[in-house]
Protein backbone atom coordinates (compact mmCIF):
# COMPACT_ATOMS: atom_id res chain seq x y z
CA MET A 1 97.91 102.09 78.32
CA GLU A 2 95.25 104.10 76.46
CA PHE A 3 94.57 107.60 77.33
CA THR A 4 90.91 107.89 77.92
CA GLN A 5 87.45 107.26 76.48
CA GLN A 6 85.71 109.95 78.32
CA GLU A 7 84.40 112.54 75.64
CA LYS A 8 85.21 115.52 77.61
CA TYR A 9 88.97 114.75 77.71
CA LYS A 10 89.20 113.10 74.30
CA ASP A 11 90.38 116.35 72.36
CA ASN A 12 92.35 117.86 75.05
CA ILE A 13 95.88 117.85 73.69
CA VAL A 14 97.49 119.08 76.85
CA LEU A 15 96.21 116.34 78.84
CA LYS A 16 97.16 113.82 76.04
CA LEU A 17 100.81 115.19 76.08
CA SER A 18 100.92 115.10 79.84
CA PHE A 19 99.72 111.36 79.80
CA GLU A 20 102.45 110.44 77.11
CA PHE A 21 105.04 112.30 79.28
CA ALA A 22 103.74 110.50 82.37
CA LYS A 23 104.29 107.10 80.42
CA ASP A 24 107.62 108.23 79.57
CA ILE A 25 108.36 109.19 83.17
CA VAL A 26 107.41 105.80 84.47
CA ALA A 27 109.42 103.87 81.87
CA PHE A 28 112.58 106.05 82.98
CA SER A 29 112.02 105.68 86.71
CA GLU A 30 112.15 101.81 85.87
CA VAL A 31 115.45 102.16 84.25
CA LEU A 32 116.60 104.20 87.28
CA GLN A 33 115.40 101.42 89.74
CA GLU A 34 117.49 98.97 87.85
CA LEU A 35 120.29 101.09 88.35
CA LYS A 36 119.49 101.35 92.10
CA LYS A 37 118.65 105.03 91.96
CA PHE A 38 115.55 104.60 94.16
CA THR A 39 115.47 108.11 95.63
CA PHE A 40 115.81 109.68 92.47
CA ALA A 41 113.43 107.41 90.61
CA ASN A 42 110.61 107.80 93.38
CA GLN A 43 110.90 111.60 93.18
CA ILE A 44 110.92 111.72 89.33
CA ILE A 45 107.68 109.67 88.99
CA ARG A 46 105.95 111.48 91.64
CA SER A 47 106.62 114.73 89.86
CA GLY A 48 106.16 113.51 86.35
CA THR A 49 102.95 111.86 87.04
CA SER A 50 101.33 114.87 89.00
CA ILE A 51 101.09 117.01 86.01
CA GLY A 52 98.28 115.51 84.48
CA ALA A 53 96.45 115.83 88.08
CA ASN A 54 97.33 119.27 88.13
CA ILE A 55 95.95 119.99 84.52
CA LYS A 56 92.64 118.33 85.56
CA LYS A 57 92.53 120.19 88.72
CA ARG A 58 92.94 123.62 87.32
CA ARG A 59 90.27 122.79 84.78
CA MET A 60 87.90 121.80 87.45
CA ARG A 61 88.79 125.14 89.15
CA LYS A 62 88.00 127.15 86.10
CA ALA A 63 84.68 125.17 85.40
CA LYS A 64 83.61 126.05 88.80
CA LEU A 65 84.52 129.69 88.68
CA ILE A 66 82.51 130.15 85.28
CA LEU A 67 79.71 128.47 86.90
CA PHE A 68 79.46 130.90 89.82
CA THR A 69 80.14 133.95 87.64
CA LYS A 70 77.12 133.23 85.58
């Protein structure tokens, strides 16, 4: 799985790190599912993969704020 080809996100180290973290979380949740720890696996995958979405949402909000203040 590749990070992104979009120019506006390519150099964002925080997004890159959150993407790598999310991939690790998915792999870990697969191990938990094999151990039949389904509840914990589901919760950790939701929490771990939402970080990137929260970062993108924050960036969009900040961009709108800058736009409205000009």
